[in-house]
Amino acid sequence: MSDEHRGEFERSWRHVHFPHSFPDAHDAFKEFIEKENCRLCAYETMPFWTTQDTRNAALSTLIPAGAATAAFVAFAKDQHIADWWSTIKKPKWAPKDVRIYSAVDLLTLSPLGYASYLVYKNGGGFDYNDTKLALGIYGANLVFAIATIPIIKKKELGCLWKNTAVVSLTAAGAAYTFYKIDKKAGLLLIPYAIWTAFYTYLTYSIKKENDPVKDL
């Protein structure tokens, strides 16, 4: 609110007339307006993004980025997984190297922590149900995404595609609920949502390629 508009507002309420049966109403209303003006001034002078926010956003980023890094390191160093992935049947359009998937995971997962903090900050924290829902979906997504690591190590293709389907659905849900609270946060999740959708189709296709042929 500009100084001009604030002054106009203050002049307008001074002309408000209260019933004589409420002699203290005018003073009480005046005190209320002055308090609200003080709060408004404090809000306008307060920086929107503080160093504390930067620290919290960085800490929030460590969770998804750390999970992606752990997956990348695990698959890059596990020659048995690399050999298994290279020998199973895959669609012609599928990338051959398992480390490519880990690298894309790292690129798409890294912005998620920052996006989640934007939602937490601009959504009013856990005091609001829509913020709790959005962050709850996001948390569930990370749990299923991390579960991909042991599933791949067990070489269970059926379980893998079902898990990636849940990851994709929760990624889309998180992107939608994030966008409703903070548009920037929602947009940051779009590459991840697209990638997980592709990954779901890929793992389903790989499963179908490697299903045993049933005798008629």
Protein backbone atom coordinates (compact mmCIF):
# COMPACT_ATOMS: atom_id res chain seq x y z
CA MET A 1 0.00 0.00 0.00
CA SER A 2 1.47 3.38 -1.02
CA ASP A 3 1.69 6.34 1.39
CA GLU A 4 -0.94 8.16 -0.68
CA HIS A 5 -3.40 5.26 -0.48
CA ARG A 6 -2.69 4.73 3.21
CA GLY A 7 -3.38 8.41 3.93
CA GLU A 8 -6.62 8.27 1.96
CA PHE A 9 -7.69 5.19 3.90
CA GLU A 10 -6.92 6.83 7.25
CA ARG A 11 -8.93 9.93 6.32
CA SER A 12 -11.89 7.80 5.29
CA TRP A 13 -12.24 5.91 8.56
CA ARG A 14 -12.03 9.11 10.60
CA HIS A 15 -15.43 10.08 9.18
CA VAL A 16 -17.07 6.81 10.20
CA HIS A 17 -19.95 7.49 12.62
CA PHE A 18 -20.78 5.03 15.38
CA PRO A 19 -24.02 4.81 17.40
CA HIS A 20 -24.07 6.79 20.66
CA SER A 21 -24.76 3.55 22.52
CA PHE A 22 -21.15 2.53 21.73
CA PRO A 23 -19.08 5.50 22.91
CA ASP A 24 -15.80 3.57 22.89
CA ALA A 25 -16.29 2.04 19.45
CA HIS A 26 -14.53 4.85 17.57
CA ASP A 27 -11.41 4.65 19.77
CA ALA A 28 -11.34 0.87 19.56
CA PHE A 29 -11.69 0.98 15.79
CA LYS A 30 -8.94 3.62 15.57
CA GLU A 31 -6.62 1.45 17.66
CA PHE A 32 -7.37 -1.54 15.44
CA ILE A 33 -6.57 0.41 12.27
CA GLU A 34 -3.31 1.72 13.69
CA LYS A 35 -2.22 -1.80 14.65
CA GLU A 36 -3.05 -3.08 11.19
CA ASN A 37 -1.05 -0.22 9.67
CA CYS A 38 1.93 -1.18 11.82
CA ARG A 39 1.67 -4.78 10.68
CA LEU A 40 1.42 -3.71 7.06
CA CYS A 41 4.49 -1.48 7.38
CA ALA A 42 6.45 -4.32 8.98
CA TYR A 43 5.45 -6.66 6.15
CA GLU A 44 6.41 -4.15 3.46
CA THR A 45 9.86 -3.53 4.94
CA MET A 46 10.58 -7.21 5.67
CA PRO A 47 12.67 -8.92 2.94
CA PHE A 48 10.69 -11.58 1.14
CA TRP A 49 13.64 -13.96 0.90
CA THR A 50 16.14 -14.07 3.75
CA THR A 51 19.45 -15.83 4.32
CA GLN A 52 17.55 -18.25 6.54
CA ASP A 53 15.33 -19.11 3.57
CA THR A 54 18.42 -19.72 1.44
CA ARG A 55 19.82 -22.09 4.05
CA ASN A 56 16.52 -23.94 4.40
CA ALA A 57 16.12 -24.24 0.63
CA ALA A 58 19.65 -25.64 0.34
CA LEU A 59 18.97 -28.19 3.06
CA SER A 60 15.71 -29.18 1.35
CA THR A 61 17.61 -29.75 -1.88
CA LEU A 62 19.96 -32.25 -0.23
CA ILE A 63 17.23 -34.89 0.11
CA PRO A 64 16.23 -35.44 -3.54
CA ALA A 65 19.68 -34.58 -4.89
CA GLY A 66 21.27 -36.95 -2.39
CA ALA A 67 18.89 -39.74 -3.40
CA ALA A 68 19.69 -39.22 -7.08
CA THR A 69 23.42 -39.13 -6.37
CA ALA A 70 23.21 -42.32 -4.33
CA ALA A 71 21.41 -44.06 -7.18
CA PHE A 72 23.96 -42.81 -9.70
CA VAL A 73 26.90 -44.02 -7.61
CA ALA A 74 25.25 -47.36 -6.87
CA PHE A 75 24.53 -48.15 -10.51
CA ALA A 76 27.78 -46.72 -11.84
CA LYS A 77 29.86 -48.95 -9.55
CA ASP A 78 27.70 -52.08 -9.72
CA GLN A 79 28.97 -53.97 -12.74
CA HIS A 80 26.44 -56.78 -12.21
CA ILE A 81 23.56 -54.33 -12.63
CA ALA A 82 25.21 -52.75 -15.66
CA ASP A 83 25.71 -56.18 -17.25
CA TRP A 84 22.15 -57.25 -16.46
CA TRP A 85 20.71 -54.06 -17.90
CA SER A 86 22.75 -54.41 -21.08
CA THR A 87 21.63 -58.01 -21.66
CA ILE A 88 17.87 -57.79 -21.01
CA LYS A 89 15.61 -57.14 -23.98
CA LYS A 90 14.71 -53.49 -24.47
CA PRO A 91 12.83 -51.45 -27.07
CA LYS A 92 15.07 -50.06 -29.79
CA TRP A 93 14.43 -46.51 -28.61
CA ALA A 94 15.55 -47.22 -25.03
CA PRO A 95 18.94 -45.91 -23.82
CA LYS A 96 21.33 -48.80 -23.33
CA ASP A 97 23.45 -47.59 -20.40
CA VAL A 98 21.81 -47.73 -16.95
CA ARG A 99 23.95 -44.76 -15.86
CA ILE A 100 22.07 -42.54 -18.33
CA TYR A 101 18.91 -43.02 -16.29
CA SER A 102 20.73 -42.14 -13.08
CA ALA A 103 22.14 -38.99 -14.67
CA VAL A 104 18.68 -37.86 -15.80
CA ASP A 105 17.36 -38.67 -12.34
CA LEU A 106 19.98 -36.36 -10.86
CA LEU A 107 19.09 -33.52 -13.24
CA THR A 108 15.34 -33.76 -12.72
CA LEU A 109 15.36 -34.52 -8.99
CA SER A 110 17.75 -31.74 -7.95
CA PRO A 111 15.23 -28.83 -8.26
CA LEU A 112 12.59 -30.66 -6.20
CA GLY A 113 13.96 -29.65 -2.81
CA TYR A 114 13.97 -25.97 -3.69
CA ALA A 115 10.45 -26.29 -5.10
CA SER A 116 9.22 -27.99 -1.94
CA TYR A 117 10.58 -25.18 0.21
CA LEU A 118 8.85 -22.59 -1.98
CA VAL A 119 5.59 -24.43 -1.34
CA TYR A 120 6.26 -24.64 2.39
CA LYS A 121 7.17 -20.95 2.67
CA ASN A 122 4.55 -19.46 0.37
CA GLY A 123 1.89 -21.98 1.34
CA GLY A 124 1.94 -21.00 5.00
CA GLY A 125 3.68 -24.11 6.29
CA PHE A 126 1.83 -27.06 7.76
CA ASP A 127 -0.97 -24.88 9.12
CA TYR A 128 -2.83 -25.21 5.80
CA ASN A 129 -4.32 -28.41 4.44
CA ASP A 130 -3.42 -27.74 0.80
CA THR A 131 0.23 -27.29 1.75
CA LYS A 132 0.20 -30.46 3.86
CA LEU A 133 -1.37 -32.36 0.95
CA ALA A 134 1.18 -31.08 -1.58
CA LEU A 135 4.17 -31.85 0.62
CA GLY A 136 2.67 -35.20 1.61
CA ILE A 137 2.42 -36.25 -2.04
CA TYR A 138 5.96 -35.01 -2.60
CA GLY A 139 7.24 -37.01 0.37
CA ALA A 140 5.49 -40.16 -0.84
CA ASN A 141 7.03 -39.66 -4.26
CA LEU A 142 10.54 -39.53 -2.80
CA VAL A 143 9.94 -42.73 -0.84
CA PHE A 144 8.87 -44.63 -3.96
CA ALA A 145 11.67 -43.07 -6.01
CA ILE A 146 14.30 -44.23 -3.50
CA ALA A 147 12.69 -47.69 -3.46
CA THR A 148 13.67 -48.01 -7.13
CA ILE A 149 17.29 -48.66 -6.11
CA PRO A 150 16.77 -51.97 -4.25
CA ILE A 151 14.13 -53.07 -6.78
CA ILE A 152 16.60 -52.72 -9.65
CA LYS A 153 19.28 -54.50 -7.63
CA LYS A 154 16.85 -57.42 -7.19
CA LYS A 155 16.21 -57.35 -10.97
CA GLU A 156 12.45 -57.55 -10.53
CA LEU A 157 11.02 -56.03 -13.71
CA GLY A 158 7.38 -56.52 -12.74
CA CYS A 159 7.83 -54.74 -9.44
CA LEU A 160 9.96 -52.08 -11.12
CA TRP A 161 7.33 -50.90 -13.57
CA LYS A 162 4.59 -50.87 -10.92
CA ASN A 163 6.80 -48.82 -8.62
CA THR A 164 7.69 -46.37 -11.41
CA ALA A 165 3.98 -46.02 -12.20
CA VAL A 166 3.38 -44.88 -8.62
CA VAL A 167 6.38 -42.55 -8.86
CA SER A 168 4.94 -41.04 -12.04
CA LEU A 169 1.46 -40.56 -10.57
CA THR A 170 2.78 -38.94 -7.40
CA ALA A 171 5.14 -36.75 -9.45
CA ALA A 172 2.20 -35.47 -11.50
CA GLY A 173 0.15 -34.99 -8.33
CA ALA A 174 2.96 -33.09 -6.65
CA ALA A 175 3.46 -30.87 -9.70
CA TYR A 176 -0.25 -30.03 -9.80
CA THR A 177 -0.62 -29.33 -6.08
CA PHE A 178 2.64 -27.36 -6.04
CA TYR A 179 1.48 -25.22 -8.96
CA LYS A 180 -1.75 -24.32 -7.17
CA ILE A 181 0.29 -22.92 -4.27
CA ASP A 182 3.34 -21.53 -6.08
CA LYS A 183 3.53 -21.49 -9.88
CA LYS A 184 7.32 -21.50 -9.97
CA ALA A 185 7.45 -24.57 -7.75
CA GLY A 186 4.97 -26.39 -9.96
CA LEU A 187 6.92 -25.57 -13.11
CA LEU A 188 10.14 -26.86 -11.55
CA LEU A 189 8.50 -30.28 -11.19
CA ILE A 190 7.36 -30.57 -14.82
CA PRO A 191 10.65 -32.06 -16.19
CA TYR A 192 10.60 -34.63 -13.39
CA ALA A 193 6.94 -35.50 -14.05
CA ILE A 194 7.66 -35.94 -17.77
CA TRP A 195 10.73 -38.07 -17.09
CA THR A 196 8.93 -40.36 -14.66
CA ALA A 197 6.07 -40.81 -17.14
CA PHE A 198 8.60 -41.82 -19.81
CA TYR A 199 10.34 -44.09 -17.33
CA THR A 200 7.06 -45.82 -16.49
CA TYR A 201 6.36 -46.53 -20.16
CA LEU A 202 9.94 -47.71 -20.60
CA THR A 203 9.89 -50.14 -17.67
CA TYR A 204 6.51 -51.50 -18.76
CA SER A 205 7.84 -52.04 -22.28
CA ILE A 206 10.95 -53.78 -20.93
CA LYS A 207 8.81 -56.03 -18.76
CA LYS A 208 6.67 -57.04 -21.74
CA GLU A 209 9.78 -57.70 -23.83
CA ASN A 210 11.17 -60.03 -21.17
CA ASP A 211 7.99 -61.82 -20.11
CA PRO A 212 8.36 -65.58 -20.57
CA VAL A 213 6.46 -66.97 -23.52
CA LYS A 214 3.54 -69.05 -22.31
CA ASP A 215 2.98 -72.44 -23.89
CA LEU A 216 -0.33 -72.77 -25.68
